[in-house]
Amino acid sequence: MRVALISYEYPPAVAIGGIGTYTWSASHMLVRGGHEVVVFAAGQPGQPERTSTVEVVRLDCPDRYRFAPLV
């Protein structure tokens, strides 16, 4: 199954609090379970980022309040 996770925070680019850590852990658990995972998070957009087998799409967003409309 292909799964998308959406979180303003996702390490290492944006690691402010616990939700980023949770999203990182959940994405890697899902991959270990055989799923294909894409994470949409804030950060500097550019080349596609891949952490092990998790694809990370970074959206250029200065704060969490403007993040939802961008996604």
PDB file of N, CA and C in Angstrom:
ATOM      1  N   MET A   1       0.837  -1.156   0.000  1.00  0.00           N
ATOM      2  CA  MET A   1       0.000   0.000   0.000  1.00  0.00           C
ATOM      3  C   MET A   1       0.900   1.243   0.000  1.00  0.00           C
ATOM      4  N   ARG A   2       0.473   2.268  -0.671  1.00  0.00           N
ATOM      5  CA  ARG A   2       1.200   3.543  -0.685  1.00  0.00           C
ATOM      6  C   ARG A   2       0.560   4.459   0.355  1.00  0.00           C
ATOM      7  N   VAL A   3       1.380   5.009   1.252  1.00  0.00           N
ATOM      8  CA  VAL A   3       0.891   5.821   2.364  1.00  0.00           C
ATOM      9  C   VAL A   3       1.541   7.196   2.308  1.00  0.00           C
ATOM     10  N   ALA A   4       0.743   8.245   2.512  1.00  0.00           N
ATOM     11  CA  ALA A   4       1.269   9.606   2.613  1.00  0.00           C
ATOM     12  C   ALA A   4       1.075  10.090   4.043  1.00  0.00           C
ATOM     13  N   LEU A   5       2.141  10.610   4.621  1.00  0.00           N
ATOM     14  CA  LEU A   5       2.071  11.240   5.936  1.00  0.00           C
ATOM     15  C   LEU A   5       2.320  12.725   5.746  1.00  0.00           C
ATOM     16  N   ILE A   6       1.553  13.550   6.439  1.00  0.00           N
ATOM     17  CA  ILE A   6       1.672  14.993   6.312  1.00  0.00           C
ATOM     18  C   ILE A   6       1.968  15.566   7.693  1.00  0.00           C
ATOM     19  N   SER A   7       3.110  16.227   7.815  1.00  0.00           N
ATOM     20  CA  SER A   7       3.507  16.814   9.088  1.00  0.00           C
ATOM     21  C   SER A   7       4.413  18.004   8.821  1.00  0.00           C
ATOM     22  N   TYR A   8       4.163  19.111   9.483  1.00  0.00           N
ATOM     23  CA  TYR A   8       5.035  20.277   9.318  1.00  0.00           C
ATOM     24  C   TYR A   8       6.470  19.916   9.683  1.00  0.00           C
ATOM     25  N   GLU A   9       6.630  19.094  10.717  1.00  0.00           N
ATOM     26  CA  GLU A   9       7.957  18.702  11.190  1.00  0.00           C
ATOM     27  C   GLU A   9       8.334  17.322  10.669  1.00  0.00           C
ATOM     28  N   TYR A  10       9.578  17.212  10.250  1.00  0.00           N
ATOM     29  CA  TYR A  10      10.155  15.911   9.909  1.00  0.00           C
ATOM     30  C   TYR A  10      11.668  16.086   9.908  1.00  0.00           C
ATOM     31  N   PRO A  11      12.359  15.379  10.788  1.00  0.00           N
ATOM     32  CA  PRO A  11      13.816  15.539  10.877  1.00  0.00           C
ATOM     33  C   PRO A  11      14.516  15.123   9.587  1.00  0.00           C
ATOM     34  N   PRO A  12      15.670  15.640   9.295  1.00  0.00           N
ATOM     35  CA  PRO A  12      16.429  16.553  10.133  1.00  0.00           C
ATOM     36  C   PRO A  12      16.144  18.025   9.847  1.00  0.00           C
ATOM     37  N   ALA A  13      15.468  18.349   8.750  1.00  0.00           N
ATOM     38  CA  ALA A  13      15.290  19.759   8.365  1.00  0.00           C
ATOM     39  C   ALA A  13      14.444  20.542   9.372  1.00  0.00           C
ATOM     40  N   VAL A  14      13.367  19.959   9.850  1.00  0.00           N
ATOM     41  CA  VAL A  14      12.505  20.633  10.817  1.00  0.00           C
ATOM     42  C   VAL A  14      12.260  19.661  11.972  1.00  0.00           C
ATOM     43  N   ALA A  15      12.916  19.913  13.084  1.00  0.00           N
ATOM     44  CA  ALA A  15      12.787  19.049  14.266  1.00  0.00           C
ATOM     45  C   ALA A  15      12.577  19.927  15.484  1.00  0.00           C
ATOM     46  N   ILE A  16      11.332  20.376  15.658  1.00  0.00           N
ATOM     47  CA  ILE A  16      11.018  21.311  16.733  1.00  0.00           C
ATOM     48  C   ILE A  16      10.493  20.573  17.968  1.00  0.00           C
ATOM     49  N   GLY A  17       9.617  19.616  17.730  1.00  0.00           N
ATOM     50  CA  GLY A  17       8.975  18.944  18.857  1.00  0.00           C
ATOM     51  C   GLY A  17       8.754  17.477  18.597  1.00  0.00           C
ATOM     52  N   GLY A  18       7.822  16.910  19.311  1.00  0.00           N
ATOM     53  CA  GLY A  18       7.585  15.475  19.275  1.00  0.00           C
ATOM     54  C   GLY A  18       6.915  14.942  18.029  1.00  0.00           C
ATOM     55  N   ILE A  19       6.099  15.751  17.352  1.00  0.00           N
ATOM     56  CA  ILE A  19       5.368  15.222  16.195  1.00  0.00           C
ATOM     57  C   ILE A  19       6.310  14.837  15.065  1.00  0.00           C
ATOM     58  N   GLY A  20       7.420  15.555  14.929  1.00  0.00           N
ATOM     59  CA  GLY A  20       8.403  15.203  13.911  1.00  0.00           C
ATOM     60  C   GLY A  20       9.033  13.855  14.199  1.00  0.00           C
ATOM     61  N   THR A  21       9.360  13.623  15.459  1.00  0.00           N
ATOM     62  CA  THR A  21       9.932  12.339  15.866  1.00  0.00           C
ATOM     63  C   THR A  21       8.921  11.221  15.644  1.00  0.00           C
ATOM     64  N   TYR A  22       7.667  11.467  16.006  1.00  0.00           N
ATOM     65  CA  TYR A  22       6.623  10.468  15.800  1.00  0.00           C
ATOM     66  C   TYR A  22       6.450  10.161  14.315  1.00  0.00           C
ATOM     67  N   THR A  23       6.410  11.186  13.478  1.00  0.00           N
ATOM     68  CA  THR A  23       6.233  10.977  12.039  1.00  0.00           C
ATOM     69  C   THR A  23       7.406  10.191  11.463  1.00  0.00           C
ATOM     70  N   TRP A  24       8.624  10.504  11.905  1.00  0.00           N
ATOM     71  CA  TRP A  24       9.798   9.764  11.451  1.00  0.00           C
ATOM     72  C   TRP A  24       9.669   8.292  11.833  1.00  0.00           C
ATOM     73  N   SER A  25       9.310   8.028  13.089  1.00  0.00           N
ATOM     74  CA  SER A  25       9.173   6.644  13.558  1.00  0.00           C
ATOM     75  C   SER A  25       8.061   5.907  12.814  1.00  0.00           C
ATOM     76  N   ALA A  26       6.913   6.558  12.672  1.00  0.00           N
ATOM     77  CA  ALA A  26       5.782   5.922  11.988  1.00  0.00           C
ATOM     78  C   ALA A  26       6.118   5.617  10.535  1.00  0.00           C
ATOM     79  N   SER A  27       6.802   6.537   9.859  1.00  0.00           N
ATOM     80  CA  SER A  27       7.133   6.304   8.450  1.00  0.00           C
ATOM     81  C   SER A  27       8.054   5.097   8.299  1.00  0.00           C
ATOM     82  N   HIS A  28       9.032   4.957   9.192  1.00  0.00           N
ATOM     83  CA  HIS A  28       9.953   3.833   9.103  1.00  0.00           C
ATOM     84  C   HIS A  28       9.299   2.513   9.521  1.00  0.00           C
ATOM     85  N   MET A  29       8.375   2.562  10.470  1.00  0.00           N
ATOM     86  CA  MET A  29       7.636   1.340  10.832  1.00  0.00           C
ATOM     87  C   MET A  29       6.776   0.870   9.666  1.00  0.00           C
ATOM     88  N   LEU A  30       6.139   1.806   8.985  1.00  0.00           N
ATOM     89  CA  LEU A  30       5.312   1.444   7.833  1.00  0.00           C
ATOM     90  C   LEU A  30       6.152   0.823   6.719  1.00  0.00           C
ATOM     91  N   VAL A  31       7.342   1.378   6.488  1.00  0.00           N
ATOM     92  CA  VAL A  31       8.237   0.818   5.474  1.00  0.00           C
ATOM     93  C   VAL A  31       8.628  -0.612   5.846  1.00  0.00           C
ATOM     94  N   ARG A  32       8.968  -0.817   7.110  1.00  0.00           N
ATOM     95  CA  ARG A  32       9.325  -2.175   7.559  1.00  0.00           C
ATOM     96  C   ARG A  32       8.153  -3.137   7.405  1.00  0.00           C
ATOM     97  N   GLY A  33       6.945  -2.598   7.421  1.00  0.00           N
ATOM     98  CA  GLY A  33       5.754  -3.420   7.224  1.00  0.00           C
ATOM     99  C   GLY A  33       5.447  -3.674   5.757  1.00  0.00           C
ATOM    100  N   GLY A  34       6.300  -3.166   4.866  1.00  0.00           N
ATOM    101  CA  GLY A  34       6.129  -3.438   3.441  1.00  0.00           C
ATOM    102  C   GLY A  34       5.406  -2.361   2.660  1.00  0.00           C
ATOM    103  N   HIS A  35       5.175  -1.214   3.265  1.00  0.00           N
ATOM    104  CA  HIS A  35       4.447  -0.140   2.587  1.00  0.00           C
ATOM    105  C   HIS A  35       5.416   0.862   1.952  1.00  0.00           C
ATOM    106  N   GLU A  36       4.927   1.551   0.947  1.00  0.00           N
ATOM    107  CA  GLU A  36       5.689   2.634   0.304  1.00  0.00           C
ATOM    108  C   GLU A  36       5.211   3.935   0.938  1.00  0.00           C
ATOM    109  N   VAL A  37       6.133   4.725   1.485  1.00  0.00           N
ATOM    110  CA  VAL A  37       5.761   5.901   2.268  1.00  0.00           C
ATOM    111  C   VAL A  37       6.333   7.174   1.655  1.00  0.00           C
ATOM    112  N   VAL A  38       5.471   8.202   1.573  1.00  0.00           N
ATOM    113  CA  VAL A  38       5.876   9.538   1.155  1.00  0.00           C
ATOM    114  C   VAL A  38       5.476  10.487   2.278  1.00  0.00           C
ATOM    115  N   VAL A  39       6.408  11.323   2.716  1.00  0.00           N
ATOM    116  CA  VAL A  39       6.132  12.296   3.773  1.00  0.00           C
ATOM    117  C   VAL A  39       6.178  13.688   3.164  1.00  0.00           C
ATOM    118  N   PHE A  40       5.153  14.486   3.428  1.00  0.00           N
ATOM    119  CA  PHE A  40       5.112  15.887   3.027  1.00  0.00           C
ATOM    120  C   PHE A  40       5.401  16.708   4.277  1.00  0.00           C
ATOM    121  N   ALA A  41       6.474  17.507   4.258  1.00  0.00           N
ATOM    122  CA  ALA A  41       6.893  18.265   5.430  1.00  0.00           C
ATOM    123  C   ALA A  41       7.500  19.599   5.003  1.00  0.00           C
ATOM    124  N   ALA A  42       7.650  20.486   5.963  1.00  0.00           N
ATOM    125  CA  ALA A  42       8.270  21.787   5.686  1.00  0.00           C
ATOM    126  C   ALA A  42       9.778  21.632   5.554  1.00  0.00           C
ATOM    127  N   GLY A  43      10.380  22.571   4.877  1.00  0.00           N
ATOM    128  CA  GLY A  43      11.826  22.562   4.708  1.00  0.00           C
ATOM    129  C   GLY A  43      12.207  23.202   3.393  1.00  0.00           C
ATOM    130  N   GLN A  44      13.463  23.112   3.061  1.00  0.00           N
ATOM    131  CA  GLN A  44      13.947  23.666   1.796  1.00  0.00           C
ATOM    132  C   GLN A  44      13.651  22.693   0.670  1.00  0.00           C
ATOM    133  N   PRO A  45      12.823  23.095  -0.301  1.00  0.00           N
ATOM    134  CA  PRO A  45      12.585  22.214  -1.430  1.00  0.00           C
ATOM    135  C   PRO A  45      13.829  22.127  -2.301  1.00  0.00           C
ATOM    136  N   GLY A  46      13.915  21.105  -3.037  1.00  0.00           N
ATOM    137  CA  GLY A  46      15.068  20.918  -3.909  1.00  0.00           C
ATOM    138  C   GLY A  46      15.045  19.515  -4.471  1.00  0.00           C
ATOM    139  N   GLN A  47      16.184  18.905  -4.459  1.00  0.00           N
ATOM    140  CA  GLN A  47      16.264  17.536  -4.949  1.00  0.00           C
ATOM    141  C   GLN A  47      15.421  16.628  -4.061  1.00  0.00           C
ATOM    142  N   PRO A  48      14.841  15.591  -4.637  1.00  0.00           N
ATOM    143  CA  PRO A  48      14.064  14.661  -3.813  1.00  0.00           C
ATOM    144  C   PRO A  48      14.934  14.100  -2.689  1.00  0.00           C
ATOM    145  N   GLU A  49      14.341  14.030  -1.526  1.00  0.00           N
ATOM    146  CA  GLU A  49      15.050  13.550  -0.343  1.00  0.00           C
ATOM    147  C   GLU A  49      14.552  12.143  -0.038  1.00  0.00           C
ATOM    148  N   ARG A  50      15.458  11.273   0.259  1.00  0.00           N
ATOM    149  CA  ARG A  50      15.066   9.914   0.604  1.00  0.00           C
ATOM    150  C   ARG A  50      15.856   9.498   1.829  1.00  0.00           C
ATOM    151  N   THR A  51      15.116   9.153   2.888  1.00  0.00           N
ATOM    152  CA  THR A  51      15.752   8.667   4.101  1.00  0.00           C
ATOM    153  C   THR A  51      15.459   7.178   4.155  1.00  0.00           C
ATOM    154  N   SER A  52      16.436   6.373   3.995  1.00  0.00           N
ATOM    155  CA  SER A  52      16.309   4.926   3.772  1.00  0.00           C
ATOM    156  C   SER A  52      15.331   4.719   2.639  1.00  0.00           C
ATOM    157  N   THR A  53      14.154   4.270   2.895  1.00  0.00           N
ATOM    158  CA  THR A  53      13.212   4.063   1.793  1.00  0.00           C
ATOM    159  C   THR A  53      12.001   4.978   1.900  1.00  0.00           C
ATOM    160  N   VAL A  54      12.097   6.012   2.709  1.00  0.00           N
ATOM    161  CA  VAL A  54      11.005   6.983   2.847  1.00  0.00           C
ATOM    162  C   VAL A  54      11.290   8.167   1.929  1.00  0.00           C
ATOM    163  N   GLU A  55      10.343   8.483   1.062  1.00  0.00           N
ATOM    164  CA  GLU A  55      10.490   9.665   0.209  1.00  0.00           C
ATOM    165  C   GLU A  55       9.960  10.875   0.971  1.00  0.00           C
ATOM    166  N   VAL A  56      10.733  11.955   1.000  1.00  0.00           N
ATOM    167  CA  VAL A  56      10.333  13.161   1.730  1.00  0.00           C
ATOM    168  C   VAL A  56      10.204  14.305   0.735  1.00  0.00           C
ATOM    169  N   VAL A  57       9.024  14.910   0.688  1.00  0.00           N
ATOM    170  CA  VAL A  57       8.778  16.064  -0.175  1.00  0.00           C
ATOM    171  C   VAL A  57       8.734  17.283   0.736  1.00  0.00           C
ATOM    172  N   ARG A  58       9.673  18.196   0.546  1.00  0.00           N
ATOM    173  CA  ARG A  58       9.764  19.395   1.384  1.00  0.00           C
ATOM    174  C   ARG A  58       9.033  20.566   0.725  1.00  0.00           C
ATOM    175  N   LEU A  59       8.221  21.256   1.516  1.00  0.00           N
ATOM    176  CA  LEU A  59       7.501  22.435   1.047  1.00  0.00           C
ATOM    177  C   LEU A  59       8.100  23.670   1.708  1.00  0.00           C
ATOM    178  N   ASP A  60       8.403  24.678   0.921  1.00  0.00           N
ATOM    179  CA  ASP A  60       8.987  25.913   1.438  1.00  0.00           C
ATOM    180  C   ASP A  60       7.905  26.677   2.186  1.00  0.00           C
ATOM    181  N   CYS A  61       7.979  26.645   3.512  1.00  0.00           N
ATOM    182  CA  CYS A  61       6.931  27.240   4.328  1.00  0.00           C
ATOM    183  C   CYS A  61       7.551  27.831   5.595  1.00  0.00           C
ATOM    184  N   PRO A  62       7.360  29.131   5.837  1.00  0.00           N
ATOM    185  CA  PRO A  62       8.006  29.777   6.978  1.00  0.00           C
ATOM    186  C   PRO A  62       7.405  29.418   8.341  1.00  0.00           C
ATOM    187  N   ASP A  63       6.129  29.007   8.370  1.00  0.00           N
ATOM    188  CA  ASP A  63       5.531  28.649   9.659  1.00  0.00           C
ATOM    189  C   ASP A  63       4.420  27.622   9.460  1.00  0.00           C
ATOM    190  N   ARG A  64       4.075  26.982  10.557  1.00  0.00           N
ATOM    191  CA  ARG A  64       3.102  25.882  10.493  1.00  0.00           C
ATOM    192  C   ARG A  64       1.699  26.334  10.096  1.00  0.00           C
ATOM    193  N   TYR A  65       1.371  27.602  10.282  1.00  0.00           N
ATOM    194  CA  TYR A  65       0.024  28.079   9.964  1.00  0.00           C
ATOM    195  C   TYR A  65      -0.212  28.186   8.463  1.00  0.00           C
ATOM    196  N   ARG A  66       0.844  28.336   7.697  1.00  0.00           N
ATOM    197  CA  ARG A  66       0.712  28.409   6.231  1.00  0.00           C
ATOM    198  C   ARG A  66       0.952  27.054   5.566  1.00  0.00           C
ATOM    199  N   PHE A  67       1.247  26.054   6.368  1.00  0.00           N
ATOM    200  CA  PHE A  67       1.606  24.737   5.827  1.00  0.00           C
ATOM    201  C   PHE A  67       0.409  24.008   5.207  1.00  0.00           C
ATOM    202  N   ALA A  68      -0.717  23.983   5.901  1.00  0.00           N
ATOM    203  CA  ALA A  68      -1.896  23.239   5.420  1.00  0.00           C
ATOM    204  C   ALA A  68      -2.351  23.661   4.025  1.00  0.00           C
ATOM    205  N   PRO A  69      -2.492  24.962   3.751  1.00  0.00           N
ATOM    206  CA  PRO A  69      -2.902  25.348   2.411  1.00  0.00           C
ATOM    207  C   PRO A  69      -1.897  24.923   1.318  1.00  0.00           C
ATOM    208  N   LEU A  70      -0.612  24.867   1.669  1.00  0.00           N
ATOM    209  CA  LEU A  70       0.385  24.466   0.684  1.00  0.00           C
ATOM    210  C   LEU A  70       0.278  22.977   0.316  1.00  0.00           C
ATOM    211  N   VAL A  71      -0.066  22.188   1.305  1.00  0.00           N
ATOM    212  CA  VAL A  71      -0.166  20.743   1.055  1.00  0.00           C
ATOM    213  C   VAL A  71      -1.328  20.501   0.127  1.00  0.00           C
TER     214      VAL A  71
END
